[in-house]
């Protein structure tokens, strides 16, 4: 490197050090009611399909709307009863008085159900050309050919494609859309549906049960191992709409499965809402890995709920990447019900300009000698707010149990904000529990070192951030790790926001 470039790198290094010394605690950022996203460029993720629907409910939420949805799906009476009960709970409840401001979420301005002009298909060639083209650009059919045992693809409120390899069916594995699960496996669905996440858990869980549509149903019989991952991808295309898919996964004793969830939506200048629910049941000695890459647009309020119940010596692994959305509130929870049950959570969030991402994890130890770990990373830039909110409960019968929380936050500028808010309740003295939190900025000396080796400043920053995120990326299948790194690169270049 010539002397002029060396001098420039050194000058920038000194400027950043001086700025770092002047930093003060930034004020809490509350996202605006209406997010202007007109200048955001997100490539393939911003593909907009034509707004030509087969059926769409009017904006607003009422008993009539709920009955409409149930009638369109030709549901059994017991499901309609659950919907109406959840509607009553929603109407009687209020937004949480903690976390980000949710007053912009107005159901009078949101359509709860949008059915695309497409029937569920088992062959991609039977999916309408425009919709199929979107999923092809997102890489879903290609991933299915290379590495997946089954794929479900949802567009707005309904599944448009679903298929599973025949050999899994021969083993007794069930992987289908949730509506089919309700019709064809009613006894299994009725036994588990709404028992882990109840409508009374919080206001948006109640909303979910009132208007749910789409999602996945997975059943893995005792002792069966699914050697290749299953994936469901949820695409919300309609502006001013909500997506409320329900995922129910049951892994019987000794079973094994890896399930991947992908989510995205194009940008609009109107609020969209995502309030799905994921209920996971892991049997004795069973194993489930649940991987998620969420890439919502900046007009999305992501109020998703995920919970797993783990029996004796069972194990749940959460791998989570949260990108996009104006607001997120997401705290995957593990209920360790059986002795020796294990939960491991690894997650990352990236909050840019105008974003308030309030995320974390929960571990609830209800049996002896259970173990959980929470490894959370967050990145914030451009004035974004990233909050880690975790809950650990050591119940009265949790003797010999252990939990380790490790939260690391990286702020890329003085305007951004990050906080760690742990909640710990211990009801048994014979437990081990640790919490470690680190908040910092990019090492200026590291940037300076990389620049002196001929690496441009922007790429130097990107290298350091990708290294920070590497523990999460390595837990994902290769193509999803690549996607996550691409999303980080887009954020760092300012292409989003």
Protein backbone atom coordinates (compact mmCIF):
# COMPACT_ATOMS: atom_id res chain seq x y z
CA UNK A 1 0.00 0.00 0.00
CA UNK A 2 1.41 3.49 -0.92
CA UNK A 3 2.04 6.13 1.73
CA UNK A 4 -1.06 8.22 0.86
CA UNK A 5 -3.37 5.26 1.51
CA UNK A 6 -1.52 4.45 4.71
CA UNK A 7 -1.97 8.03 5.89
CA UNK A 8 -5.68 7.99 4.98
CA UNK A 9 -6.24 4.75 6.89
CA UNK A 10 -4.41 6.13 9.90
CA UNK A 11 -6.40 9.39 9.80
CA UNK A 12 -9.69 7.53 9.69
CA UNK A 13 -8.50 5.34 12.53
CA UNK A 14 -7.81 8.39 14.69
CA UNK A 15 -11.15 10.01 13.76
CA UNK A 16 -13.09 6.90 14.79
CA UNK A 17 -11.20 6.70 18.08
CA UNK A 18 -12.07 10.33 18.83
CA UNK A 19 -15.74 9.75 17.96
CA UNK A 20 -15.84 6.67 20.15
CA UNK A 21 -14.60 8.73 23.10
CA UNK A 22 -17.47 11.21 22.59
CA UNK A 23 -20.24 8.67 22.48
CA UNK A 24 -23.16 9.02 24.81
CA UNK A 25 -26.04 6.73 25.60
CA UNK A 26 -28.55 7.07 22.78
CA UNK A 27 -32.27 7.48 23.42
CA UNK A 28 -34.71 4.62 22.98
CA UNK A 29 -35.94 4.29 19.41
CA UNK A 30 -39.63 3.73 18.79
CA UNK A 31 -40.53 2.88 15.18
CA UNK A 32 -42.89 5.25 13.38
CA UNK A 33 -46.47 4.25 12.72
CA UNK A 34 -45.87 4.32 8.98
CA UNK A 35 -42.52 3.14 7.70
CA UNK A 36 -41.30 4.78 4.49
CA UNK A 37 -39.58 2.04 2.56
CA UNK A 38 -39.67 3.54 -0.92
CA UNK A 39 -35.89 3.78 -1.22
CA UNK A 40 -35.01 0.32 0.05
CA UNK A 41 -33.52 -2.16 -2.42
CA UNK A 42 -33.56 -5.83 -1.46
CA UNK A 43 -33.21 -7.59 -4.79
CA UNK A 44 -35.01 -10.91 -5.08
CA UNK A 45 -36.80 -10.45 -1.75
CA UNK A 46 -38.71 -7.44 -3.10
CA UNK A 47 -40.36 -9.24 -5.99
CA UNK A 48 -44.01 -8.21 -6.07
CA UNK A 49 -46.54 -10.50 -7.63
CA UNK A 50 -49.79 -9.21 -9.11
CA UNK A 51 -52.45 -8.35 -6.53
CA UNK A 52 -55.05 -10.63 -8.10
CA UNK A 53 -56.60 -12.87 -5.44
CA UNK A 54 -59.07 -15.70 -5.53
CA UNK A 55 -60.60 -14.58 -2.22
CA UNK A 56 -59.82 -11.90 0.35
CA UNK A 57 -61.57 -10.90 3.56
CA UNK A 58 -62.37 -7.24 4.12
CA UNK A 59 -60.08 -5.33 6.44
CA UNK A 60 -61.00 -5.70 10.09
CA UNK A 61 -61.66 -8.47 12.58
CA UNK A 62 -65.12 -9.58 13.66
CA UNK A 63 -67.04 -12.76 14.36
CA UNK A 64 -68.27 -12.61 10.76
CA UNK A 65 -64.66 -12.53 9.51
CA UNK A 66 -63.72 -15.55 11.62
CA UNK A 67 -66.77 -17.50 10.43
CA UNK A 68 -65.91 -16.57 6.83
CA UNK A 69 -62.41 -18.01 7.14
CA UNK A 70 -63.68 -21.20 8.78
CA UNK A 71 -66.35 -21.63 6.09
CA UNK A 72 -63.86 -21.11 3.27
CA UNK A 73 -61.76 -23.90 4.75
CA UNK A 74 -64.75 -26.21 5.33
CA UNK A 75 -63.55 -26.82 8.87
CA UNK A 76 -65.04 -29.09 11.54
CA UNK A 77 -67.20 -27.45 14.20
CA UNK A 78 -64.59 -27.93 16.93
CA UNK A 79 -62.10 -25.74 15.07
CA UNK A 80 -64.64 -22.96 14.59
CA UNK A 81 -65.39 -23.07 18.31
CA UNK A 82 -61.69 -22.63 19.10
CA UNK A 83 -61.51 -19.69 16.70
CA UNK A 84 -64.48 -17.91 18.26
CA UNK A 85 -63.18 -18.48 21.78
CA UNK A 86 -59.81 -17.00 20.76
CA UNK A 87 -61.55 -14.00 19.21
CA UNK A 88 -63.24 -13.24 22.53
CA UNK A 89 -59.88 -13.42 24.31
CA UNK A 90 -58.28 -11.11 21.75
CA UNK A 91 -61.04 -8.52 22.04
CA UNK A 92 -60.77 -8.54 25.84
CA UNK A 93 -56.97 -8.22 25.91
CA UNK A 94 -54.53 -5.35 25.53
CA UNK A 95 -51.08 -4.87 24.05
CA UNK A 96 -48.15 -5.63 26.38
CA UNK A 97 -47.02 -2.65 28.49
CA UNK A 98 -43.34 -3.47 27.92
CA UNK A 99 -41.15 -3.70 24.82
CA UNK A 100 -41.77 -1.88 21.55
CA UNK A 101 -44.88 0.21 20.91
CA UNK A 102 -47.57 -1.90 19.17
CA UNK A 103 -50.26 0.77 18.85
CA UNK A 104 -49.70 1.03 15.05
CA UNK A 105 -51.04 -2.55 14.70
CA UNK A 106 -54.67 -1.83 13.82
CA UNK A 107 -56.71 -4.84 12.72
CA UNK A 108 -59.28 -2.48 11.18
CA UNK A 109 -56.65 -1.77 8.51
CA UNK A 110 -55.48 -5.37 7.99
CA UNK A 111 -56.95 -8.20 5.95
CA UNK A 112 -56.72 -11.43 7.95
CA UNK A 113 -57.08 -13.85 5.03
CA UNK A 114 -55.88 -13.70 1.41
CA UNK A 115 -56.23 -16.76 -0.80
CA UNK A 116 -54.09 -16.63 -3.97
CA UNK A 117 -55.27 -17.85 -7.35
CA UNK A 118 -53.54 -21.18 -6.93
CA UNK A 119 -54.40 -24.69 -5.78
CA UNK A 120 -52.04 -26.80 -3.69
CA UNK A 121 -49.74 -28.74 -6.04
CA UNK A 122 -47.23 -31.58 -5.69
CA UNK A 123 -45.35 -30.60 -8.84
CA UNK A 124 -43.83 -27.16 -9.31
CA UNK A 125 -45.03 -27.07 -12.93
CA UNK A 126 -48.61 -27.03 -11.61
CA UNK A 127 -47.99 -23.86 -9.59
CA UNK A 128 -49.05 -20.67 -11.46
CA UNK A 129 -46.12 -19.31 -13.47
CA UNK A 130 -45.76 -15.98 -11.65
CA UNK A 131 -45.81 -17.55 -8.18
CA UNK A 132 -43.51 -20.39 -9.22
CA UNK A 133 -41.07 -17.87 -10.69
CA UNK A 134 -40.89 -16.04 -7.34
CA UNK A 135 -40.10 -19.23 -5.43
CA UNK A 136 -37.53 -20.21 -8.05
CA UNK A 137 -35.75 -16.88 -7.62
CA UNK A 138 -35.81 -17.46 -3.87
CA UNK A 139 -34.09 -20.81 -4.54
CA UNK A 140 -36.73 -23.10 -3.02
CA UNK A 141 -37.11 -25.70 -5.84
CA UNK A 142 -33.33 -25.87 -6.25
CA UNK A 143 -32.82 -26.45 -2.52
CA UNK A 144 -35.46 -29.19 -2.65
CA UNK A 145 -33.57 -31.02 -5.39
CA UNK A 146 -30.19 -30.70 -3.67
CA UNK A 147 -30.75 -31.33 0.02
CA UNK A 148 -34.34 -31.55 1.26
CA UNK A 149 -36.67 -34.48 1.97
CA UNK A 150 -39.77 -32.35 1.68
CA UNK A 151 -40.91 -28.79 0.97
CA UNK A 152 -43.98 -26.72 1.68
CA UNK A 153 -44.44 -23.27 0.13
CA UNK A 154 -47.06 -20.83 1.37
CA UNK A 155 -48.11 -17.73 -0.56
CA UNK A 156 -50.13 -15.24 1.50
CA UNK A 157 -52.66 -17.33 3.47
CA UNK A 158 -52.51 -20.70 1.70
CA UNK A 159 -50.05 -23.44 0.81
CA UNK A 160 -49.48 -23.52 -2.97
CA UNK A 161 -46.95 -26.36 -3.09
CA UNK A 162 -46.28 -29.32 -0.82
CA UNK A 163 -44.34 -32.51 -1.44
CA UNK A 164 -42.40 -35.12 0.50
CA UNK A 165 -40.09 -37.90 -0.64
CA UNK A 166 -41.92 -41.22 -0.92
CA UNK A 167 -39.45 -43.10 1.27
CA UNK A 168 -40.46 -41.00 4.27
CA UNK A 169 -44.12 -41.90 3.80
CA UNK A 170 -43.12 -45.55 3.78
CA UNK A 171 -41.59 -45.02 7.24
CA UNK A 172 -44.83 -43.53 8.53
CA UNK A 173 -43.64 -39.92 8.48
CA UNK A 174 -46.35 -37.33 7.87
CA UNK A 175 -45.43 -33.94 6.43
CA UNK A 176 -48.28 -31.91 5.03
CA UNK A 177 -49.99 -28.55 5.27
CA UNK A 178 -51.84 -27.87 8.50
CA UNK A 179 -55.33 -27.81 6.94
CA UNK A 180 -54.74 -31.33 5.61
CA UNK A 181 -53.52 -32.34 9.05
CA UNK A 182 -56.80 -31.09 10.58
CA UNK A 183 -58.86 -33.07 8.06
CA UNK A 184 -56.87 -36.30 7.85
CA UNK A 185 -55.32 -36.60 11.33
CA UNK A 186 -57.96 -34.99 13.58
CA UNK A 187 -57.24 -37.10 16.66
CA UNK A 188 -53.54 -36.20 16.66
CA UNK A 189 -54.19 -32.52 15.94
CA UNK A 190 -56.92 -32.20 18.60
CA UNK A 191 -54.60 -33.79 21.18
CA UNK A 192 -51.80 -31.23 20.67
CA UNK A 193 -53.23 -28.13 18.95
CA UNK A 194 -53.29 -25.07 21.19
CA UNK A 195 -52.00 -26.90 24.27
CA UNK A 196 -48.43 -25.57 24.31
CA UNK A 197 -49.25 -22.11 23.00
CA UNK A 198 -52.69 -21.24 24.32
CA UNK A 199 -54.84 -18.29 23.21
CA UNK A 200 -54.42 -16.84 26.70
CA UNK A 201 -50.62 -16.70 26.47
CA UNK A 202 -50.74 -13.16 25.05
CA UNK A 203 -52.90 -10.97 22.83
CA UNK A 204 -51.34 -11.96 19.51
CA UNK A 205 -51.49 -15.66 20.32
CA UNK A 206 -55.25 -15.15 20.69
CA UNK A 207 -55.34 -13.30 17.35
CA UNK A 208 -53.45 -16.18 15.76
CA UNK A 209 -55.92 -18.82 16.91
CA UNK A 210 -58.85 -16.70 15.72
CA UNK A 211 -57.62 -16.31 12.13
CA UNK A 212 -54.85 -18.89 11.56
CA UNK A 213 -54.36 -20.16 8.01
CA UNK A 214 -51.72 -22.34 6.38
CA UNK A 215 -48.66 -23.76 8.05
CA UNK A 216 -47.22 -27.24 8.45
CA UNK A 217 -48.01 -30.51 10.19
CA UNK A 218 -45.17 -32.95 10.86
CA UNK A 219 -45.41 -36.32 12.60
CA UNK A 220 -42.34 -38.55 13.01
CA UNK A 221 -43.14 -42.01 14.44
CA UNK A 222 -41.26 -43.67 17.25
CA UNK A 223 -37.63 -44.45 16.42
CA UNK A 224 -37.75 -42.96 12.89
CA UNK A 225 -34.92 -40.68 11.81
CA UNK A 226 -35.49 -38.19 8.98
CA UNK A 227 -32.05 -38.05 7.40
CA UNK A 228 -32.62 -34.94 5.26
CA UNK A 229 -34.24 -31.67 6.38
CA UNK A 230 -37.83 -30.66 5.78
CA UNK A 231 -38.51 -27.04 4.87
CA UNK A 232 -41.51 -24.73 4.81
CA UNK A 233 -41.22 -21.30 3.24
CA UNK A 234 -43.73 -18.54 4.00
CA UNK A 235 -44.10 -15.69 1.52
CA UNK A 236 -46.42 -12.76 2.23
CA UNK A 237 -47.15 -10.85 -0.98
CA UNK A 238 -50.30 -8.82 -0.29
CA UNK A 239 -49.96 -5.28 1.12
CA UNK A 240 -51.90 -4.50 4.28
CA UNK A 241 -52.41 -8.18 5.05
CA UNK A 242 -51.57 -10.56 7.86
CA UNK A 243 -50.01 -14.02 7.77
CA UNK A 244 -50.98 -16.41 10.55
CA UNK A 245 -49.61 -19.86 9.72
CA UNK A 246 -49.64 -22.64 12.34
CA UNK A 247 -46.83 -25.20 12.55
CA UNK A 248 -47.30 -28.35 14.63
CA UNK A 249 -44.42 -30.85 14.84
CA UNK A 250 -44.55 -34.06 16.85
CA UNK A 251 -41.40 -36.19 17.18
CA UNK A 252 -42.21 -39.46 18.93
CA UNK A 253 -39.78 -41.25 21.29
CA UNK A 254 -36.38 -41.80 19.70
CA UNK A 255 -37.26 -39.91 16.52
CA UNK A 256 -35.03 -37.36 14.82
CA UNK A 257 -35.76 -34.48 12.43
CA UNK A 258 -34.39 -31.18 11.16
CA UNK A 259 -37.03 -28.63 10.16
CA UNK A 260 -36.16 -25.39 8.35
CA UNK A 261 -38.41 -22.35 8.23
CA UNK A 262 -37.89 -19.50 5.78
CA UNK A 263 -39.86 -16.23 5.62
CA UNK A 264 -39.85 -13.13 3.43
CA UNK A 265 -42.06 -10.38 2.05
CA UNK A 266 -41.70 -7.48 -0.41
CA UNK A 267 -41.70 -3.88 0.76
CA UNK A 268 -44.80 -1.71 0.89
CA UNK A 269 -45.66 1.61 2.50
CA UNK A 270 -48.41 0.04 4.56
CA UNK A 271 -48.23 -2.08 7.67
CA UNK A 272 -48.18 -5.87 7.32
CA UNK A 273 -48.49 -8.27 10.24
CA UNK A 274 -47.05 -11.70 10.95
CA UNK A 275 -48.41 -13.58 13.97
CA UNK A 276 -47.72 -17.25 13.38
CA UNK A 277 -47.44 -19.98 15.99
CA UNK A 278 -45.04 -22.94 16.25
CA UNK A 279 -45.78 -25.83 18.63
CA UNK A 280 -43.06 -28.48 18.92
CA UNK A 281 -43.35 -31.73 20.88
CA UNK A 282 -40.14 -33.72 21.35
CA UNK A 283 -40.58 -37.21 22.78
CA UNK A 284 -38.37 -39.25 25.10
CA UNK A 285 -34.86 -39.57 23.67
CA UNK A 286 -35.96 -37.71 20.52
CA UNK A 287 -34.19 -34.86 18.76
CA UNK A 288 -35.47 -31.88 16.79
CA UNK A 289 -33.48 -29.07 15.22
CA UNK A 290 -35.59 -26.05 14.23
CA UNK A 291 -33.75 -23.57 11.99
CA UNK A 292 -35.19 -20.22 10.92
CA UNK A 293 -34.06 -17.45 8.60
CA UNK A 294 -36.54 -14.57 8.68
CA UNK A 295 -36.15 -11.77 6.16
CA UNK A 296 -39.24 -9.63 6.44
CA UNK A 297 -39.50 -6.16 4.87
CA UNK A 298 -39.38 -2.97 6.92
CA UNK A 299 -43.17 -2.50 6.93
CA UNK A 300 -43.69 -5.79 8.81
CA UNK A 301 -44.60 -6.21 12.47
CA UNK A 302 -43.35 -9.70 13.34
CA UNK A 303 -45.17 -10.94 16.47
CA UNK A 304 -44.48 -14.65 16.21
CA UNK A 305 -44.71 -17.26 19.00
CA UNK A 306 -42.67 -20.47 19.23
CA UNK A 307 -42.62 -23.11 21.97
CA UNK A 308 -41.19 -26.60 22.40
CA UNK A 309 -41.94 -29.24 25.03
CA UNK A 310 -39.16 -31.77 25.60
CA UNK A 311 -39.57 -35.11 27.36
CA UNK A 312 -36.99 -37.25 29.18
CA UNK A 313 -33.54 -37.15 27.53
CA UNK A 314 -35.01 -35.40 24.50
CA UNK A 315 -33.31 -32.45 22.82
CA UNK A 316 -34.45 -29.32 21.01
CA UNK A 317 -32.02 -27.13 19.07
CA UNK A 318 -33.07 -23.67 17.95
CA UNK A 319 -31.05 -21.88 15.25
CA UNK A 320 -32.48 -18.46 14.48
CA UNK A 321 -31.61 -15.53 12.23
CA UNK A 322 -33.86 -12.46 12.37
CA UNK A 323 -33.52 -9.77 9.70
CA UNK A 324 -35.88 -7.12 8.39
CA UNK A 325 -39.23 -6.03 9.92
CA UNK A 326 -40.00 -2.71 11.57
CA UNK A 327 -40.69 -4.47 14.86
CA UNK A 328 -40.06 -8.02 16.05
CA UNK A 329 -41.10 -9.64 19.31
CA UNK A 330 -39.93 -13.25 19.30
CA UNK A 331 -38.75 -15.42 22.20
CA UNK A 332 -38.60 -19.16 21.36
CA UNK A 333 -39.35 -21.09 24.55
CA UNK A 334 -38.26 -24.56 25.64
CA UNK A 335 -40.26 -26.33 28.33
CA UNK A 336 -37.95 -29.03 29.67
CA UNK A 337 -40.54 -31.40 31.07
CA UNK A 338 -38.61 -34.68 31.37
CA UNK A 339 -35.52 -35.59 33.35
CA UNK A 340 -32.33 -34.95 31.38
CA UNK A 341 -34.09 -32.90 28.69
CA UNK A 342 -31.86 -30.47 26.76
CA UNK A 343 -32.41 -27.17 24.96
CA UNK A 344 -29.81 -25.28 22.95
CA UNK A 345 -30.57 -21.89 21.41
CA UNK A 346 -28.28 -20.08 18.95
CA UNK A 347 -29.58 -16.87 17.41
CA UNK A 348 -28.65 -13.59 15.76
CA UNK A 349 -30.54 -10.38 14.98
CA UNK A 350 -29.53 -7.41 12.86
CA UNK A 351 -31.33 -4.11 13.50
CA UNK A 352 -30.87 -1.26 11.04
CA UNK A 353 -32.41 2.19 10.67
CA UNK A 354 -36.00 2.39 11.91
CA UNK A 355 -35.98 -1.16 13.33
CA UNK A 356 -36.83 -2.26 16.85
CA UNK A 357 -35.99 -5.95 17.23
CA UNK A 358 -36.93 -7.26 20.68
CA UNK A 359 -35.94 -10.91 20.66
CA UNK A 360 -34.45 -13.60 22.88
CA UNK A 361 -35.18 -17.06 24.25
CA UNK A 362 -36.79 -18.81 27.20
CA UNK A 363 -35.76 -21.95 29.10
CA UNK A 364 -38.20 -23.44 31.61
CA UNK A 365 -36.71 -26.27 33.67
CA UNK A 366 -39.41 -28.45 35.23
CA UNK A 367 -37.51 -31.71 35.83
CA UNK A 368 -34.23 -32.88 37.39
CA UNK A 369 -30.89 -32.72 35.61
CA UNK A 370 -32.10 -30.72 32.63
CA UNK A 371 -29.72 -28.48 30.66
CA UNK A 372 -30.16 -25.40 28.53
CA UNK A 373 -27.86 -22.96 26.78
CA UNK A 374 -28.67 -19.64 25.18
CA UNK A 375 -26.14 -18.10 22.81
CA UNK A 376 -27.53 -14.85 21.47
CA UNK A 377 -25.83 -12.32 19.20
CA UNK A 378 -27.15 -8.98 17.98
CA UNK A 379 -25.91 -6.29 15.61
CA UNK A 380 -27.30 -2.77 15.35
CA UNK A 381 -26.52 0.06 12.93
CA UNK A 382 -27.99 3.30 11.61
CA UNK A 383 -29.88 4.03 14.82
CA UNK A 384 -31.49 0.59 15.02
CA UNK A 385 -32.52 -0.90 18.36
CA UNK A 386 -31.71 -4.51 19.25
CA UNK A 387 -32.93 -5.91 22.56
CA UNK A 388 -32.16 -9.31 24.06
CA UNK A 389 -34.97 -10.36 26.41
CA UNK A 390 -34.46 -13.79 27.98
CA UNK A 391 -36.26 -15.81 30.62
CA UNK A 392 -34.87 -18.72 32.62
CA UNK A 393 -37.02 -20.55 35.16
CA UNK A 394 -35.64 -23.20 37.49
CA UNK A 395 -38.74 -24.91 38.88
CA UNK A 396 -39.13 -26.65 42.25
CA UNK A 397 -38.24 -30.06 40.74
CA UNK A 398 -35.23 -28.89 38.73
CA UNK A 399 -32.50 -30.18 41.07
CA UNK A 400 -29.21 -30.82 39.32
CA UNK A 401 -30.18 -28.65 36.34
CA UNK A 402 -27.91 -26.18 34.57
CA UNK A 403 -28.33 -23.17 32.32
CA UNK A 404 -25.77 -20.92 30.61
CA UNK A 405 -26.70 -17.65 28.91
CA UNK A 406 -24.19 -15.81 26.72
CA UNK A 407 -25.32 -12.59 25.03
CA UNK A 408 -23.06 -10.54 22.77
CA UNK A 409 -24.04 -7.28 21.12
CA UNK A 410 -22.19 -5.33 18.46
CA UNK A 411 -23.01 -1.67 17.76
CA UNK A 412 -21.69 -0.26 14.49
CA UNK A 413 -22.30 3.42 15.24
CA UNK A 414 -23.08 5.76 18.16
CA UNK A 415 -26.73 6.26 17.12
CA UNK A 416 -27.72 2.64 17.62
CA UNK A 417 -28.92 0.98 20.80
CA UNK A 418 -28.69 -2.45 22.34
CA UNK A 419 -29.80 -3.79 25.71
CA UNK A 420 -29.73 -7.11 27.51
CA UNK A 421 -32.73 -7.80 29.74
CA UNK A 422 -32.50 -11.19 31.48
CA UNK A 423 -35.25 -12.50 33.74
CA UNK A 424 -34.25 -15.33 36.08
CA UNK A 425 -36.43 -17.20 38.57
CA UNK A 426 -34.88 -19.90 40.76
CA UNK A 427 -37.09 -22.14 42.91
CA UNK A 428 -34.52 -24.83 43.69
CA UNK A 429 -31.14 -24.28 45.35
CA UNK A 430 -29.46 -27.29 43.72
CA UNK A 431 -28.95 -25.72 40.27
CA UNK A 432 -26.21 -23.98 38.28
CA UNK A 433 -27.02 -20.85 36.36
CA UNK A 434 -24.77 -18.36 34.62
CA UNK A 435 -25.39 -15.20 32.61
CA UNK A 436 -22.78 -13.31 30.63
CA UNK A 437 -23.41 -10.22 28.52
CA UNK A 438 -21.00 -8.24 26.35
CA UNK A 439 -21.76 -5.02 24.49
CA UNK A 440 -19.21 -3.31 22.31
CA UNK A 441 -18.29 -1.81 18.96
CA UNK A 442 -16.06 -2.97 16.13
CA UNK A 443 -12.42 -3.01 17.15
CA UNK A 444 -10.94 0.05 15.45
CA UNK A 445 -7.47 -1.42 15.64
CA UNK A 446 -8.70 -4.49 13.73
CA UNK A 447 -10.14 -2.29 10.96
CA UNK A 448 -6.92 -0.33 10.80
CA UNK A 449 -4.89 -3.54 10.58
CA UNK A 450 -7.02 -4.92 7.73
CA UNK A 451 -6.85 -1.62 5.85
CA UNK A 452 -3.06 -1.61 6.08
CA UNK A 453 -3.20 -4.98 4.33
CA UNK A 454 -4.99 -3.46 1.35
CA UNK A 455 -8.57 -4.33 2.33
CA UNK A 456 -11.08 -1.48 1.79
CA UNK A 457 -12.74 -0.12 4.92
CA UNK A 458 -16.25 -1.37 4.07
CA UNK A 459 -15.02 -4.89 3.38
CA UNK A 460 -12.92 -4.83 6.56
CA UNK A 461 -16.05 -4.05 8.58
CA UNK A 462 -18.00 -6.75 6.75
CA UNK A 463 -15.31 -9.34 7.48
CA UNK A 464 -15.41 -8.54 11.20
CA UNK A 465 -19.22 -8.65 11.35
CA UNK A 466 -19.38 -11.95 9.45
CA UNK A 467 -16.83 -13.34 11.87
CA UNK A 468 -19.05 -12.19 14.75
CA UNK A 469 -22.00 -14.03 13.16
CA UNK A 470 -20.03 -17.16 12.26
CA UNK A 471 -21.13 -19.25 15.28
CA UNK A 472 -24.71 -18.97 13.99
CA UNK A 473 -23.85 -19.50 10.33
CA UNK A 474 -21.97 -22.72 11.04
CA UNK A 475 -25.11 -24.23 12.60
CA UNK A 476 -27.08 -23.76 9.35
CA UNK A 477 -27.01 -25.91 6.20
CA UNK A 478 -24.63 -24.43 3.65
CA UNK A 479 -27.18 -22.71 1.40
CA UNK A 480 -28.87 -21.04 4.38
CA UNK A 481 -25.55 -19.94 5.85
CA UNK A 482 -24.78 -18.32 2.50
CA UNK A 483 -28.19 -16.59 2.56
CA UNK A 484 -27.55 -15.27 6.05
CA UNK A 485 -24.15 -13.88 5.08
CA UNK A 486 -25.73 -12.25 2.01
CA UNK A 487 -28.33 -10.58 4.24
CA UNK A 488 -25.59 -9.27 6.53
CA UNK A 489 -23.74 -7.88 3.50
CA UNK A 490 -26.89 -6.12 2.28
CA UNK A 491 -27.42 -4.57 5.69
CA UNK A 492 -23.84 -3.37 5.94
CA UNK A 493 -23.94 -1.79 2.49
CA UNK A 494 -27.06 0.11 3.43
CA UNK A 495 -29.03 -1.61 0.67
CA UNK A 496 -31.75 -2.21 3.23
CA UNK A 497 -32.90 0.90 5.01
